[in-house]
């Protein structure tokens, strides 16, 4: 079942009683599960996820319910805390986990996972995103000061992000010599620099290390599809690039001059978490 409803209370009532009355298609058990997984929002400034079923609502409160059986039943491997720098942390996000939630819930998001991991000790702020199908390093901040400082580095392209991918086919000598793709995306200039690590004739695929100079949506996937070497396992871009093991794209390195610790910080994905098909 999938449904979206925007609802408004007329009397003081508990959240679960109001929802059960307003959405009789769903049992209280399903509604409580949806609330705990972030699919119910209390609309205001700011909008907040309403998780406590017994929270009392005031007359005139507005709620948004976005219920999808399929999404709420999904599961993923847990995220792994790799480095805790107190003001920020570096995590391994597994494939299948969102970086942050959306209106349909947040139970399968790194942000929610970290909030529950640190509760109630620290705030959690997402600094950058990694596609749901991809895995690898993601950095979170734990104070507004840290979030502002690190977000400034990202905006100024001062954080080096390294990825490892496996693409379809063998790159020409011309492409290898160029070592970069500068095709504009969304009418904006962008650049992906790459280095060939190995070509596997058996699978007719190439292993590459990629550095993003800019950060457009799905940049790596779109760039390599555009030059007819799509990332293996990409469900959205490219042709004849299916891969039973999933998307062959991992974020494997982060490096920057830390404005908080006043030193160079380099984080690398441990070998134990590297994709075997990459």
Protein backbone atom coordinates (compact mmCIF):
# COMPACT_ATOMS: atom_id res chain seq x y z
CA UNK A 1 0.00 0.00 0.00
CA UNK A 2 1.17 3.49 -0.81
CA UNK A 3 -0.59 6.71 0.20
CA UNK A 4 0.08 10.35 1.03
CA UNK A 5 -2.17 12.44 3.23
CA UNK A 6 -2.02 15.96 4.64
CA UNK A 7 -4.11 16.22 7.78
CA UNK A 8 -5.11 18.91 10.28
CA UNK A 9 -6.37 18.48 13.82
CA UNK A 10 -9.43 20.25 15.18
CA UNK A 11 -9.07 19.22 18.82
CA UNK A 12 -6.31 18.27 21.25
CA UNK A 13 -5.59 14.59 20.64
CA UNK A 14 -2.73 12.10 20.74
CA UNK A 15 -0.90 11.63 17.46
CA UNK A 16 -1.72 7.95 17.13
CA UNK A 17 -5.42 8.40 17.92
CA UNK A 18 -5.68 11.21 15.39
CA UNK A 19 -3.91 9.24 12.66
CA UNK A 20 -5.92 6.08 13.34
CA UNK A 21 -9.14 8.07 12.96
CA UNK A 22 -8.00 10.03 9.91
CA UNK A 23 -6.42 7.08 8.06
CA UNK A 24 -8.60 4.03 8.82
CA UNK A 25 -6.89 2.06 6.02
CA UNK A 26 -3.88 1.58 8.31
CA UNK A 27 -3.84 -0.19 11.66
CA UNK A 28 -2.34 1.46 14.72
CA UNK A 29 0.54 -0.96 14.50
CA UNK A 30 1.37 0.12 10.95
CA UNK A 31 1.00 3.77 11.85
CA UNK A 32 3.32 3.44 14.86
CA UNK A 33 5.89 1.69 12.66
CA UNK A 34 5.60 4.46 10.07
CA UNK A 35 6.06 7.10 12.77
CA UNK A 36 9.14 5.41 14.22
CA UNK A 37 10.65 5.23 10.75
CA UNK A 38 10.12 8.93 10.01
CA UNK A 39 7.18 8.76 7.60
CA UNK A 40 5.03 11.22 9.59
CA UNK A 41 5.91 14.91 9.72
CA UNK A 42 4.63 17.68 11.94
CA UNK A 43 4.36 20.62 9.57
CA UNK A 44 5.66 23.88 10.96
CA UNK A 45 8.79 26.00 11.01
CA UNK A 46 10.82 23.90 10.94
CA UNK A 47 9.16 20.69 9.75
CA UNK A 48 9.88 17.87 12.23
CA UNK A 49 9.44 14.14 12.05
CA UNK A 50 6.79 13.00 14.50
CA UNK A 51 7.95 9.74 16.07
CA UNK A 52 6.22 9.53 19.46
CA UNK A 53 2.80 7.97 18.99
CA UNK A 54 1.46 9.40 22.25
CA UNK A 55 2.59 12.97 21.59
CA UNK A 56 -0.29 15.37 22.14
CA UNK A 57 -1.30 17.51 19.20
CA UNK A 58 -2.88 20.94 19.48
CA UNK A 59 -5.94 22.11 17.54
CA UNK A 60 -4.79 23.32 14.14
CA UNK A 61 -1.63 21.19 14.00
CA UNK A 62 -0.92 19.89 10.50
CA UNK A 63 0.60 16.50 9.74
CA UNK A 64 1.89 14.89 6.57
CA UNK A 65 1.83 11.10 6.23
CA UNK A 66 3.76 9.43 3.39
CA UNK A 67 3.25 5.70 3.68
CA UNK A 68 4.83 3.11 1.40
CA UNK A 69 4.88 -0.55 2.46
CA UNK A 70 7.82 -1.31 0.19
CA UNK A 71 10.04 1.47 1.53
CA UNK A 72 9.19 0.84 5.19
CA UNK A 73 10.03 -2.84 4.88
CA UNK A 74 13.41 -2.31 3.24
CA UNK A 75 16.58 -3.15 5.12
CA UNK A 76 20.28 -2.58 4.61
CA UNK A 77 23.57 -3.48 6.22
CA UNK A 78 24.48 -1.20 9.15
CA UNK A 79 26.79 1.75 8.70
CA UNK A 80 30.25 1.56 10.30
CA UNK A 81 31.91 4.34 12.30
CA UNK A 82 35.51 4.44 11.03
CA UNK A 83 36.93 7.63 12.59
CA UNK A 84 35.57 9.73 15.45
CA UNK A 85 37.15 13.19 15.51
CA UNK A 86 34.60 14.44 18.10
CA UNK A 87 33.61 17.53 16.09
CA UNK A 88 33.04 15.30 13.08
CA UNK A 89 33.14 11.65 12.16
CA UNK A 90 33.81 9.51 9.09
CA UNK A 91 31.54 6.58 8.30
CA UNK A 92 31.27 3.70 5.89
CA UNK A 93 27.86 3.92 4.21
CA UNK A 94 26.83 0.56 2.75
CA UNK A 95 25.07 0.19 -0.58
CA UNK A 96 21.31 0.38 -0.14
CA UNK A 97 21.45 3.01 2.58
CA UNK A 98 20.44 6.61 1.88
CA UNK A 99 22.66 9.46 3.01
CA UNK A 100 19.62 11.16 4.52
CA UNK A 101 15.91 10.43 4.60
CA UNK A 102 13.05 11.92 2.62
CA UNK A 103 9.33 12.39 3.14
CA UNK A 104 8.82 8.61 2.91
CA UNK A 105 11.00 7.96 5.95
CA UNK A 106 14.55 8.00 7.24
CA UNK A 107 15.04 4.59 8.86
CA UNK A 108 17.36 3.54 6.03
CA UNK A 109 19.55 6.65 6.17
CA UNK A 110 23.06 7.22 7.47
CA UNK A 111 21.94 10.43 9.17
CA UNK A 112 19.29 8.62 11.25
CA UNK A 113 21.67 5.73 11.96
CA UNK A 114 24.25 8.17 13.34
CA UNK A 115 21.61 10.08 15.34
CA UNK A 116 20.61 6.86 17.07
CA UNK A 117 24.24 5.81 17.50
CA UNK A 118 25.19 9.04 19.28
CA UNK A 119 21.83 9.72 21.06
CA UNK A 120 21.61 11.80 23.13
CA UNK A 121 25.18 12.98 23.21
CA UNK A 122 25.71 14.78 19.91
CA UNK A 123 24.01 16.61 17.12
CA UNK A 124 24.46 15.18 13.62
CA UNK A 125 24.77 17.22 10.42
CA UNK A 126 25.18 15.72 6.95
CA UNK A 127 28.01 17.40 5.02
CA UNK A 128 27.82 15.62 1.66
CA UNK A 129 25.91 12.80 0.01
CA UNK A 130 26.63 9.47 -1.58
CA UNK A 131 24.13 7.78 -3.91
CA UNK A 132 21.97 5.08 -2.33
CA UNK A 133 23.37 2.42 -4.66
CA UNK A 134 26.98 3.43 -3.90
CA UNK A 135 29.04 2.66 -0.82
CA UNK A 136 31.99 4.25 0.90
CA UNK A 137 33.13 7.19 2.99
CA UNK A 138 30.74 9.88 4.22
CA UNK A 139 31.62 12.61 6.73
CA UNK A 140 29.21 13.96 9.36
CA UNK A 141 29.59 17.01 11.60
CA UNK A 142 28.55 17.17 15.26
CA UNK A 143 28.23 20.89 15.91
CA UNK A 144 27.01 23.90 13.96
CA UNK A 145 30.51 25.34 14.06
CA UNK A 146 32.06 22.20 12.58
CA UNK A 147 29.28 21.91 10.00
CA UNK A 148 29.81 25.50 8.86
CA UNK A 149 33.60 25.18 8.67
CA UNK A 150 33.59 21.89 6.77
CA UNK A 151 30.72 22.90 4.49
CA UNK A 152 32.77 25.96 3.52
CA UNK A 153 35.64 23.67 2.48
CA UNK A 154 33.26 21.59 0.37
CA UNK A 155 31.75 24.67 -1.27
CA UNK A 156 35.25 25.93 -2.09
CA UNK A 157 36.23 22.49 -3.44
CA UNK A 158 38.95 22.15 -0.80
CA UNK A 159 38.10 18.57 0.14
CA UNK A 160 39.62 15.95 -2.16
CA UNK A 161 37.20 13.06 -2.78
CA UNK A 162 38.57 9.88 -4.32
CA UNK A 163 36.41 7.15 -5.80
CA UNK A 164 37.06 3.73 -7.25
CA UNK A 165 34.85 2.46 -10.06
CA UNK A 166 34.69 -0.33 -12.59
CA UNK A 167 33.38 0.63 -16.00
CA UNK A 168 32.38 -1.26 -19.10
CA UNK A 169 35.01 -1.71 -21.81
CA UNK A 170 38.62 -0.74 -22.39
CA UNK A 171 39.44 2.96 -22.47
CA UNK A 172 41.21 4.20 -25.57
CA UNK A 173 44.77 5.48 -25.34
CA UNK A 174 43.44 8.96 -26.09
CA UNK A 175 41.05 8.85 -23.13
CA UNK A 176 43.76 7.47 -20.88
CA UNK A 177 46.11 10.26 -21.90
CA UNK A 178 43.42 12.91 -21.33
CA UNK A 179 42.67 11.51 -17.87
CA UNK A 180 39.67 13.79 -17.43
CA UNK A 181 36.06 14.30 -18.50
CA UNK A 182 34.87 17.90 -18.68
CA UNK A 183 31.39 17.50 -20.14
CA UNK A 184 29.02 20.12 -18.64
CA UNK A 185 26.14 18.75 -16.58
CA UNK A 186 22.90 20.61 -15.86
CA UNK A 187 24.34 23.52 -17.87
CA UNK A 188 27.18 23.86 -15.40
CA UNK A 189 30.90 23.19 -15.91
CA UNK A 190 32.28 20.15 -14.14
CA UNK A 191 35.28 17.86 -14.25
CA UNK A 192 36.05 14.26 -13.32
CA UNK A 193 39.73 13.24 -13.36
CA UNK A 194 40.62 9.57 -13.57
CA UNK A 195 43.50 7.13 -13.66
CA UNK A 196 43.33 3.62 -15.11
CA UNK A 197 44.33 0.98 -12.57
CA UNK A 198 43.73 -2.17 -14.61
CA UNK A 199 41.84 -3.63 -17.54
CA UNK A 200 40.26 -7.07 -17.23
CA UNK A 201 39.83 -8.74 -20.62
CA UNK A 202 37.71 -11.57 -19.20
CA UNK A 203 34.94 -9.20 -18.11
CA UNK A 204 35.85 -6.47 -20.62
CA UNK A 205 35.92 -3.89 -17.84
CA UNK A 206 38.31 -1.26 -16.53
CA UNK A 207 39.15 -0.39 -12.93
CA UNK A 208 39.58 3.36 -12.41
CA UNK A 209 40.40 5.78 -9.63
CA UNK A 210 38.41 9.01 -9.97
CA UNK A 211 38.78 12.42 -8.36
CA UNK A 212 35.88 14.84 -8.49
CA UNK A 213 36.87 18.42 -9.14
CA UNK A 214 33.21 19.48 -8.97
CA UNK A 215 30.22 17.83 -7.36
CA UNK A 216 27.20 17.58 -9.67
CA UNK A 217 24.42 15.07 -9.09
CA UNK A 218 25.48 11.59 -10.25
CA UNK A 219 28.52 13.21 -11.85
CA UNK A 220 30.72 10.12 -12.14
CA UNK A 221 27.90 7.93 -13.40
CA UNK A 222 26.72 10.49 -15.96
CA UNK A 223 30.21 11.37 -17.17
CA UNK A 224 31.29 7.80 -17.84
CA UNK A 225 27.97 6.90 -19.44
CA UNK A 226 28.45 9.92 -21.71
CA UNK A 227 31.78 8.57 -23.02
CA UNK A 228 30.22 5.10 -23.49
CA UNK A 229 32.02 3.50 -20.56
CA UNK A 230 29.18 3.30 -18.03
CA UNK A 231 29.79 2.21 -14.44
CA UNK A 232 28.95 -1.47 -14.02
CA UNK A 233 25.68 -2.10 -12.22
CA UNK A 234 24.36 1.41 -12.75
CA UNK A 235 20.55 1.06 -12.86
CA UNK A 236 20.02 4.54 -14.33
CA UNK A 237 22.81 5.42 -16.74
CA UNK A 238 24.39 3.43 -19.56
CA UNK A 239 23.49 0.34 -21.59
CA UNK A 240 24.50 -3.32 -21.33
CA UNK A 241 26.24 -2.64 -18.01
CA UNK A 242 24.29 -4.91 -15.69
CA UNK A 243 26.22 -6.29 -12.75
CA UNK A 244 24.87 -8.91 -10.35
CA UNK A 245 26.99 -7.50 -7.52
CA UNK A 246 25.43 -4.03 -7.79
CA UNK A 247 26.85 -0.61 -8.54
CA UNK A 248 30.64 -0.76 -8.89
CA UNK A 249 31.28 2.64 -7.34
CA UNK A 250 32.87 3.37 -3.96
CA UNK A 251 34.05 6.51 -2.20
CA UNK A 252 37.46 5.41 -0.95
CA UNK A 253 39.28 8.56 0.14
CA UNK A 254 38.82 11.98 1.76
CA UNK A 255 41.62 14.50 2.27
CA UNK A 256 41.61 18.12 3.45
CA UNK A 257 43.30 20.72 5.62
CA UNK A 258 41.17 20.58 8.74
CA UNK A 259 40.22 24.10 9.96
CA UNK A 260 39.36 22.69 13.40
CA UNK A 261 42.46 20.61 14.11
CA UNK A 262 44.80 22.78 12.00
CA UNK A 263 46.37 19.83 10.24
CA UNK A 264 46.06 17.71 7.12
CA UNK A 265 43.50 14.95 7.49
CA UNK A 266 43.40 11.92 5.21
CA UNK A 267 40.87 9.13 5.52
CA UNK A 268 40.95 5.95 3.45
CA UNK A 269 38.47 3.11 3.17
CA UNK A 270 39.87 -0.03 4.83
CA UNK A 271 40.68 -2.90 2.49
CA UNK A 272 38.18 -5.09 4.34
CA UNK A 273 35.33 -2.85 3.14
CA UNK A 274 36.47 -2.50 -0.47
CA UNK A 275 34.17 -3.95 -3.11
CA UNK A 276 35.52 -7.21 -4.45
CA UNK A 277 33.96 -6.46 -7.87
CA UNK A 278 35.79 -3.15 -8.00
